[in-house]
Amino acid sequence: MDEPKTIKLDLSDCKYFMELHQRIKETFHLPDYYGCNWSAFHDMLRGEIDAQYIEVYGEHTLPVQWQDQIAILHDILEYTVQERLQLGETFG
């Protein structure tokens, strides 16, 4: 049986918000047309990502002002877990 694919997103010490999306783009190997916004990230998770697990690191190093944005990231990941479970897929 194949080992489940895990993507490890390291957000440690991002200084600029677009750097955060650039790390997402690089980590998930997203195409050049990735829109660098949360809607585009959600769309990519639904169609372009074949991982079963996503681990996020370094959130504690991000600016306090980004708390709302990190909450959105968590919401998108949780929503995607629920979507995939309804389709009988593993994702977490």
C-alpha atoms as a PDB file:
ATOM      1  CA  MET A   1       0.000   0.000   0.000  1.00  0.00           C
ATOM      2  CA  ASP A   2       1.296   3.472  -0.893  1.00  0.00           C
ATOM      3  CA  GLU A   3       2.325   5.881   1.843  1.00  0.00           C
ATOM      4  CA  PRO A   4      -0.170   8.783   2.094  1.00  0.00           C
ATOM      5  CA  LYS A   5       1.167  11.959   0.527  1.00  0.00           C
ATOM      6  CA  THR A   6       1.777  14.764   3.021  1.00  0.00           C
ATOM      7  CA  ILE A   7       2.503  18.379   2.129  1.00  0.00           C
ATOM      8  CA  LYS A   8       4.413  20.401   4.719  1.00  0.00           C
ATOM      9  CA  LEU A   9       3.751  24.140   4.493  1.00  0.00           C
ATOM     10  CA  ASP A  10       6.364  26.116   6.432  1.00  0.00           C
ATOM     11  CA  LEU A  11       5.280  29.700   7.057  1.00  0.00           C
ATOM     12  CA  SER A  12       8.144  30.484   9.438  1.00  0.00           C
ATOM     13  CA  ASP A  13       9.226  34.100   9.421  1.00  0.00           C
ATOM     14  CA  CYS A  14       7.133  35.304   6.483  1.00  0.00           C
ATOM     15  CA  LYS A  15       7.497  39.070   6.549  1.00  0.00           C
ATOM     16  CA  TYR A  16       5.022  40.030   3.841  1.00  0.00           C
ATOM     17  CA  PHE A  17       1.579  38.682   3.092  1.00  0.00           C
ATOM     18  CA  MET A  18       2.405  37.967  -0.546  1.00  0.00           C
ATOM     19  CA  GLU A  19       5.403  35.951   0.676  1.00  0.00           C
ATOM     20  CA  LEU A  20       2.927  33.711   2.482  1.00  0.00           C
ATOM     21  CA  HIS A  21       1.060  33.060  -0.783  1.00  0.00           C
ATOM     22  CA  GLN A  22       4.345  32.584  -2.624  1.00  0.00           C
ATOM     23  CA  ARG A  23       5.275  29.853  -0.140  1.00  0.00           C
ATOM     24  CA  ILE A  24       1.864  28.262  -0.673  1.00  0.00           C
ATOM     25  CA  LYS A  25       2.417  28.389  -4.427  1.00  0.00           C
ATOM     26  CA  GLU A  26       5.876  26.824  -4.182  1.00  0.00           C
ATOM     27  CA  THR A  27       4.996  24.216  -1.547  1.00  0.00           C
ATOM     28  CA  PHE A  28       1.903  22.991  -3.385  1.00  0.00           C
ATOM     29  CA  HIS A  29       3.562  23.291  -6.805  1.00  0.00           C
ATOM     30  CA  LEU A  30       0.725  25.490  -8.028  1.00  0.00           C
ATOM     31  CA  PRO A  31       0.656  26.769 -11.604  1.00  0.00           C
ATOM     32  CA  ASP A  32       1.722  30.267 -12.608  1.00  0.00           C
ATOM     33  CA  TYR A  33      -1.904  31.323 -12.887  1.00  0.00           C
ATOM     34  CA  TYR A  34      -2.470  30.761  -9.139  1.00  0.00           C
ATOM     35  CA  GLY A  35      -4.184  33.965  -8.031  1.00  0.00           C
ATOM     36  CA  CYS A  36      -2.408  34.372  -4.660  1.00  0.00           C
ATOM     37  CA  ASN A  37      -5.642  34.810  -2.725  1.00  0.00           C
ATOM     38  CA  TRP A  38      -7.757  32.581  -0.508  1.00  0.00           C
ATOM     39  CA  SER A  39     -10.413  31.883  -3.116  1.00  0.00           C
ATOM     40  CA  ALA A  40      -7.753  30.696  -5.557  1.00  0.00           C
ATOM     41  CA  PHE A  41      -6.134  28.561  -2.841  1.00  0.00           C
ATOM     42  CA  HIS A  42      -9.453  26.872  -2.098  1.00  0.00           C
ATOM     43  CA  ASP A  43     -10.007  26.227  -5.796  1.00  0.00           C
ATOM     44  CA  MET A  44      -6.530  24.694  -6.116  1.00  0.00           C
ATOM     45  CA  LEU A  45      -7.125  22.420  -3.122  1.00  0.00           C
ATOM     46  CA  ARG A  46     -10.296  21.157  -4.738  1.00  0.00           C
ATOM     47  CA  GLY A  47      -8.728  20.324  -8.066  1.00  0.00           C
ATOM     48  CA  GLU A  48      -4.945  20.440  -8.185  1.00  0.00           C
ATOM     49  CA  ILE A  49      -3.762  18.926  -4.890  1.00  0.00           C
ATOM     50  CA  ASP A  50      -3.422  15.173  -4.556  1.00  0.00           C
ATOM     51  CA  ALA A  51      -2.110  15.088  -0.967  1.00  0.00           C
ATOM     52  CA  GLN A  52      -4.003  13.320   1.772  1.00  0.00           C
ATOM     53  CA  TYR A  53      -2.493  15.419   4.584  1.00  0.00           C
ATOM     54  CA  ILE A  54      -1.298  18.987   4.994  1.00  0.00           C
ATOM     55  CA  GLU A  55       0.880  20.064   7.891  1.00  0.00           C
ATOM     56  CA  VAL A  56       1.329  23.781   8.582  1.00  0.00           C
ATOM     57  CA  TYR A  57       4.362  25.003  10.503  1.00  0.00           C
ATOM     58  CA  GLY A  58       5.629  28.367  11.667  1.00  0.00           C
ATOM     59  CA  GLU A  59       2.336  30.139  12.276  1.00  0.00           C
ATOM     60  CA  HIS A  60       3.587  31.368  15.654  1.00  0.00           C
ATOM     61  CA  THR A  61       6.310  33.374  13.859  1.00  0.00           C
ATOM     62  CA  LEU A  62       3.881  35.397  11.748  1.00  0.00           C
ATOM     63  CA  PRO A  63       2.864  38.972  12.514  1.00  0.00           C
ATOM     64  CA  VAL A  64      -0.019  39.282  14.988  1.00  0.00           C
ATOM     65  CA  GLN A  65      -1.923  41.321  12.392  1.00  0.00           C
ATOM     66  CA  TRP A  66      -2.222  38.188  10.258  1.00  0.00           C
ATOM     67  CA  GLN A  67      -4.335  36.256  12.768  1.00  0.00           C
ATOM     68  CA  ASP A  68      -7.497  36.775  10.723  1.00  0.00           C
ATOM     69  CA  GLN A  69      -5.737  35.573   7.580  1.00  0.00           C
ATOM     70  CA  ILE A  70      -4.387  32.472   9.314  1.00  0.00           C
ATOM     71  CA  ALA A  71      -7.905  31.762  10.565  1.00  0.00           C
ATOM     72  CA  ILE A  72      -9.070  31.880   6.933  1.00  0.00           C
ATOM     73  CA  LEU A  73      -6.326  29.416   5.997  1.00  0.00           C
ATOM     74  CA  HIS A  74      -7.525  27.048   8.726  1.00  0.00           C
ATOM     75  CA  ASP A  75     -11.156  27.476   7.650  1.00  0.00           C
ATOM     76  CA  ILE A  76     -10.292  26.615   4.049  1.00  0.00           C
ATOM     77  CA  LEU A  77      -8.354  23.536   5.104  1.00  0.00           C
ATOM     78  CA  GLU A  78     -11.162  22.358   7.386  1.00  0.00           C
ATOM     79  CA  TYR A  79     -13.805  23.015   4.724  1.00  0.00           C
ATOM     80  CA  THR A  80     -11.734  21.017   2.233  1.00  0.00           C
ATOM     81  CA  VAL A  81     -11.480  18.126   4.709  1.00  0.00           C
ATOM     82  CA  GLN A  82     -15.279  18.072   4.941  1.00  0.00           C
ATOM     83  CA  GLU A  83     -15.705  18.329   1.160  1.00  0.00           C
ATOM     84  CA  ARG A  84     -13.332  15.455   0.535  1.00  0.00           C
ATOM     85  CA  LEU A  85     -14.886  13.288   3.246  1.00  0.00           C
ATOM     86  CA  GLN A  86     -18.254  13.685   1.530  1.00  0.00           C
ATOM     87  CA  LEU A  87     -16.589  12.410  -1.646  1.00  0.00           C
ATOM     88  CA  GLY A  88     -15.084   9.471   0.224  1.00  0.00           C
ATOM     89  CA  GLU A  89     -11.554  10.860  -0.001  1.00  0.00           C
ATOM     90  CA  THR A  90      -8.967  11.257   2.751  1.00  0.00           C
ATOM     91  CA  PHE A  91      -7.659  14.742   3.420  1.00  0.00           C
ATOM     92  CA  GLY A  92      -6.522  16.344   6.628  1.00  0.00           C
END
